[in-house]
Amino acid sequence: MRRVITKGKLWHSVCGLFLGEKRCANKSLTGQAMLLIVLSIGGTILAVTTVAGLLMLYQIGSATDFTNSAKAVFAADSGTEWALYSFFNPALTPASPVLSNGSTVSVVCYDVNNAVTSCGAIAPATTSVASYAISRGTSVNTKRAFLVGL
């Protein structure tokens, strides 16, 4: 059955949702229902703004650490370049890269059995046995890593 709400009965219908039709017929309970509705709406708005503020705090925190994130990404990228150079030029394998911007890089190469191996050739061989390399770049507290198949 569809109920038609007129302008005068709108409040009684809203009150009926929270307290029931019989209790809302009593005019003395309408103030309590209004207080209940206002507190419910206020609590909902407070919860939504609290969650939104917390999410914004996390976004600001990650935006301010963008510089260190970029340094860590470029450090990890230089590690992958070093691993590729060592793999394709095993006789000329240089020392691990040292960066001047304060970030560090760590490269570990693995063979097909997932055992740690050299990225270049191990004497007396002239070819590398590395299968893949993991390059980890670090700047302050930010860490980024790349995996490269060799």
C-alpha atoms as a PDB file:
ATOM      1  CA  MET A   1       0.000   0.000   0.000  1.00  0.00           C
ATOM      2  CA  ARG A   2       1.467   3.349  -1.032  1.00  0.00           C
ATOM      3  CA  ARG A   3       1.295   6.152   1.494  1.00  0.00           C
ATOM      4  CA  VAL A   4       0.965   9.748   0.282  1.00  0.00           C
ATOM      5  CA  ILE A   5       2.839  12.231   2.435  1.00  0.00           C
ATOM      6  CA  THR A   6       1.489  15.726   2.584  1.00  0.00           C
ATOM      7  CA  LYS A   7       3.420  18.733   3.838  1.00  0.00           C
ATOM      8  CA  GLY A   8       1.887  18.613   7.318  1.00  0.00           C
ATOM      9  CA  LYS A   9       2.425  14.880   7.764  1.00  0.00           C
ATOM     10  CA  LEU A  10       6.051  14.806   6.610  1.00  0.00           C
ATOM     11  CA  TRP A  11       7.457  15.102  10.113  1.00  0.00           C
ATOM     12  CA  HIS A  12       5.203  12.383  11.469  1.00  0.00           C
ATOM     13  CA  SER A  13       6.375  10.021   8.708  1.00  0.00           C
ATOM     14  CA  VAL A  14      10.041  10.709   9.479  1.00  0.00           C
ATOM     15  CA  CYS A  15       9.352  10.303  13.173  1.00  0.00           C
ATOM     16  CA  GLY A  16       7.562   7.041  12.413  1.00  0.00           C
ATOM     17  CA  LEU A  17      10.697   5.620  10.860  1.00  0.00           C
ATOM     18  CA  PHE A  18      12.590   5.985  14.126  1.00  0.00           C
ATOM     19  CA  LEU A  19       9.999   5.611  16.879  1.00  0.00           C
ATOM     20  CA  GLY A  20       6.970   3.939  15.294  1.00  0.00           C
ATOM     21  CA  GLU A  21       3.647   5.412  14.202  1.00  0.00           C
ATOM     22  CA  LYS A  22       1.848   5.119  17.536  1.00  0.00           C
ATOM     23  CA  ARG A  23       4.563   6.920  19.536  1.00  0.00           C
ATOM     24  CA  CYS A  24       4.794   9.716  16.938  1.00  0.00           C
ATOM     25  CA  ALA A  25       1.113  10.439  17.180  1.00  0.00           C
ATOM     26  CA  ASN A  26       1.917  11.866  20.622  1.00  0.00           C
ATOM     27  CA  LYS A  27       3.115  15.427  19.997  1.00  0.00           C
ATOM     28  CA  SER A  28       5.354  15.443  23.105  1.00  0.00           C
ATOM     29  CA  LEU A  29       7.725  12.858  21.542  1.00  0.00           C
ATOM     30  CA  THR A  30       8.441  14.855  18.381  1.00  0.00           C
ATOM     31  CA  GLY A  31      11.195  16.875  20.097  1.00  0.00           C
ATOM     32  CA  GLN A  32      12.948  13.690  21.188  1.00  0.00           C
ATOM     33  CA  ALA A  33      12.712  12.278  17.673  1.00  0.00           C
ATOM     34  CA  MET A  34      14.149  15.483  16.234  1.00  0.00           C
ATOM     35  CA  LEU A  35      17.062  15.293  18.677  1.00  0.00           C
ATOM     36  CA  LEU A  36      17.664  11.663  17.737  1.00  0.00           C
ATOM     37  CA  ILE A  37      17.664  12.486  14.013  1.00  0.00           C
ATOM     38  CA  VAL A  38      20.013  15.474  14.426  1.00  0.00           C
ATOM     39  CA  LEU A  39      22.453  13.430  16.526  1.00  0.00           C
ATOM     40  CA  SER A  40      22.389  10.573  13.998  1.00  0.00           C
ATOM     41  CA  ILE A  41      23.092  12.889  11.071  1.00  0.00           C
ATOM     42  CA  GLY A  42      25.787  14.732  13.035  1.00  0.00           C
ATOM     43  CA  GLY A  43      27.497  11.474  14.004  1.00  0.00           C
ATOM     44  CA  THR A  44      27.465  10.288  10.403  1.00  0.00           C
ATOM     45  CA  ILE A  45      28.999  13.543   9.160  1.00  0.00           C
ATOM     46  CA  LEU A  46      31.645  13.392  11.906  1.00  0.00           C
ATOM     47  CA  ALA A  47      32.587   9.810  10.982  1.00  0.00           C
ATOM     48  CA  VAL A  48      32.836  10.633   7.274  1.00  0.00           C
ATOM     49  CA  THR A  49      35.005  13.706   7.840  1.00  0.00           C
ATOM     50  CA  THR A  50      37.272  11.774  10.224  1.00  0.00           C
ATOM     51  CA  VAL A  51      37.875   9.062   7.633  1.00  0.00           C
ATOM     52  CA  ALA A  52      38.433  11.678   4.913  1.00  0.00           C
ATOM     53  CA  GLY A  53      40.936  13.517   7.121  1.00  0.00           C
ATOM     54  CA  LEU A  54      42.841  10.319   7.847  1.00  0.00           C
ATOM     55  CA  LEU A  55      43.036   9.480   4.145  1.00  0.00           C
ATOM     56  CA  MET A  56      44.291  12.992   3.381  1.00  0.00           C
ATOM     57  CA  LEU A  57      46.951  12.634   6.075  1.00  0.00           C
ATOM     58  CA  TYR A  58      48.257   9.478   4.389  1.00  0.00           C
ATOM     59  CA  GLN A  59      48.234  11.195   0.986  1.00  0.00           C
ATOM     60  CA  ILE A  60      50.197  14.173   2.317  1.00  0.00           C
ATOM     61  CA  GLY A  61      52.713  11.833   3.942  1.00  0.00           C
ATOM     62  CA  SER A  62      53.383   9.966   0.722  1.00  0.00           C
ATOM     63  CA  ALA A  63      53.534  13.190  -1.306  1.00  0.00           C
ATOM     64  CA  THR A  64      56.215  14.681   0.935  1.00  0.00           C
ATOM     65  CA  ASP A  65      58.359  11.561   0.583  1.00  0.00           C
ATOM     66  CA  PHE A  66      58.286  11.743  -3.212  1.00  0.00           C
ATOM     67  CA  THR A  67      61.919  12.855  -3.398  1.00  0.00           C
ATOM     68  CA  ASN A  68      63.205   9.820  -1.518  1.00  0.00           C
ATOM     69  CA  SER A  69      60.927   7.555  -3.536  1.00  0.00           C
ATOM     70  CA  ALA A  70      62.367   8.897  -6.781  1.00  0.00           C
ATOM     71  CA  LYS A  71      65.922   8.461  -5.472  1.00  0.00           C
ATOM     72  CA  ALA A  72      65.167   4.852  -4.507  1.00  0.00           C
ATOM     73  CA  VAL A  73      63.606   4.110  -7.909  1.00  0.00           C
ATOM     74  CA  PHE A  74      66.619   5.514  -9.763  1.00  0.00           C
ATOM     75  CA  ALA A  75      68.985   3.608  -7.483  1.00  0.00           C
ATOM     76  CA  ALA A  76      67.152   0.354  -8.222  1.00  0.00           C
ATOM     77  CA  ASP A  77      67.187   1.215 -11.923  1.00  0.00           C
ATOM     78  CA  SER A  78      70.959   1.755 -11.866  1.00  0.00           C
ATOM     79  CA  GLY A  79      71.260  -1.660 -10.211  1.00  0.00           C
ATOM     80  CA  THR A  80      69.341  -3.332 -13.029  1.00  0.00           C
ATOM     81  CA  GLU A  81      71.557  -1.552 -15.577  1.00  0.00           C
ATOM     82  CA  TRP A  82      74.635  -2.819 -13.722  1.00  0.00           C
ATOM     83  CA  ALA A  83      73.256  -6.384 -13.656  1.00  0.00           C
ATOM     84  CA  LEU A  84      72.523  -6.293 -17.391  1.00  0.00           C
ATOM     85  CA  TYR A  85      75.970  -4.869 -18.171  1.00  0.00           C
ATOM     86  CA  SER A  86      77.616  -7.551 -16.012  1.00  0.00           C
ATOM     87  CA  PHE A  87      75.593 -10.277 -17.721  1.00  0.00           C
ATOM     88  CA  PHE A  88      76.347  -9.183 -21.286  1.00  0.00           C
ATOM     89  CA  ASN A  89      79.990  -8.207 -20.584  1.00  0.00           C
ATOM     90  CA  PRO A  90      81.062 -10.892 -18.088  1.00  0.00           C
ATOM     91  CA  ALA A  91      84.799 -10.296 -18.555  1.00  0.00           C
ATOM     92  CA  LEU A  92      84.424  -6.570 -17.721  1.00  0.00           C
ATOM     93  CA  THR A  93      82.214  -6.830 -14.628  1.00  0.00           C
ATOM     94  CA  PRO A  94      82.749  -3.587 -12.675  1.00  0.00           C
ATOM     95  CA  ALA A  95      82.215  -3.036  -8.965  1.00  0.00           C
ATOM     96  CA  SER A  96      78.683  -2.485  -7.719  1.00  0.00           C
ATOM     97  CA  PRO A  97      77.467   1.081  -8.392  1.00  0.00           C
ATOM     98  CA  VAL A  98      78.028   3.817  -5.796  1.00  0.00           C
ATOM     99  CA  LEU A  99      75.598   6.734  -5.968  1.00  0.00           C
ATOM    100  CA  SER A 100      76.401  10.327  -5.042  1.00  0.00           C
ATOM    101  CA  ASN A 101      72.897  11.379  -3.945  1.00  0.00           C
ATOM    102  CA  GLY A 102      72.984   9.378  -0.693  1.00  0.00           C
ATOM    103  CA  SER A 103      70.894   6.457  -1.897  1.00  0.00           C
ATOM    104  CA  THR A 104      72.209   2.907  -1.940  1.00  0.00           C
ATOM    105  CA  VAL A 105      71.769   0.001  -4.314  1.00  0.00           C
ATOM    106  CA  SER A 106      72.015  -3.726  -3.726  1.00  0.00           C
ATOM    107  CA  VAL A 107      71.980  -6.247  -6.576  1.00  0.00           C
ATOM    108  CA  VAL A 108      71.680 -10.010  -6.109  1.00  0.00           C
ATOM    109  CA  CYS A 109      71.744 -12.411  -9.064  1.00  0.00           C
ATOM    110  CA  TYR A 110      70.238 -15.907  -8.996  1.00  0.00           C
ATOM    111  CA  ASP A 111      70.699 -18.965 -11.210  1.00  0.00           C
ATOM    112  CA  VAL A 112      67.941 -21.263 -12.490  1.00  0.00           C
ATOM    113  CA  ASN A 113      67.887 -23.144  -9.162  1.00  0.00           C
ATOM    114  CA  ASN A 114      67.278 -19.890  -7.234  1.00  0.00           C
ATOM    115  CA  ALA A 115      70.754 -20.034  -5.731  1.00  0.00           C
ATOM    116  CA  VAL A 116      72.721 -16.800  -5.365  1.00  0.00           C
ATOM    117  CA  THR A 117      75.371 -16.470  -8.064  1.00  0.00           C
ATOM    118  CA  SER A 118      77.603 -13.843  -9.636  1.00  0.00           C
ATOM    119  CA  CYS A 119      75.996 -11.496 -12.145  1.00  0.00           C
ATOM    120  CA  GLY A 120      79.060 -11.819 -14.384  1.00  0.00           C
ATOM    121  CA  ALA A 121      81.132 -14.832 -15.338  1.00  0.00           C
ATOM    122  CA  ILE A 122      82.831 -16.939 -12.687  1.00  0.00           C
ATOM    123  CA  ALA A 123      86.410 -17.793 -13.729  1.00  0.00           C
ATOM    124  CA  PRO A 124      87.401 -19.788 -15.744  1.00  0.00           C
ATOM    125  CA  ALA A 125      84.002 -19.569 -17.549  1.00  0.00           C
ATOM    126  CA  THR A 126      83.379 -16.813 -20.066  1.00  0.00           C
ATOM    127  CA  THR A 127      79.575 -16.680 -19.760  1.00  0.00           C
ATOM    128  CA  SER A 128      77.319 -15.895 -16.827  1.00  0.00           C
ATOM    129  CA  VAL A 129      75.042 -18.523 -15.289  1.00  0.00           C
ATOM    130  CA  ALA A 130      72.686 -15.927 -13.769  1.00  0.00           C
ATOM    131  CA  SER A 131      69.015 -16.334 -14.606  1.00  0.00           C
ATOM    132  CA  TYR A 132      67.558 -13.224 -12.992  1.00  0.00           C
ATOM    133  CA  ALA A 133      68.590 -10.337 -10.754  1.00  0.00           C
ATOM    134  CA  ILE A 134      66.848  -8.371  -8.022  1.00  0.00           C
ATOM    135  CA  SER A 135      67.965  -4.778  -7.621  1.00  0.00           C
ATOM    136  CA  ARG A 136      66.996  -2.937  -4.423  1.00  0.00           C
ATOM    137  CA  GLY A 137      67.305   0.824  -4.136  1.00  0.00           C
ATOM    138  CA  THR A 138      67.100   2.601  -0.772  1.00  0.00           C
ATOM    139  CA  SER A 139      66.935   6.287   0.115  1.00  0.00           C
ATOM    140  CA  VAL A 140      66.409   7.220   3.783  1.00  0.00           C
ATOM    141  CA  ASN A 141      63.405   4.998   4.761  1.00  0.00           C
ATOM    142  CA  THR A 142      62.045   4.460   1.255  1.00  0.00           C
ATOM    143  CA  LYS A 143      62.808   1.207  -0.561  1.00  0.00           C
ATOM    144  CA  ARG A 144      62.068   0.226  -4.156  1.00  0.00           C
ATOM    145  CA  ALA A 145      63.042  -2.938  -6.040  1.00  0.00           C
ATOM    146  CA  PHE A 146      63.155  -4.220  -9.605  1.00  0.00           C
ATOM    147  CA  LEU A 147      63.451  -7.757 -10.913  1.00  0.00           C
ATOM    148  CA  VAL A 148      65.133  -8.295 -14.271  1.00  0.00           C
ATOM    149  CA  GLY A 149      65.312 -11.532 -16.208  1.00  0.00           C
ATOM    150  CA  LEU A 150      68.736 -12.195 -17.684  1.00  0.00           C
END
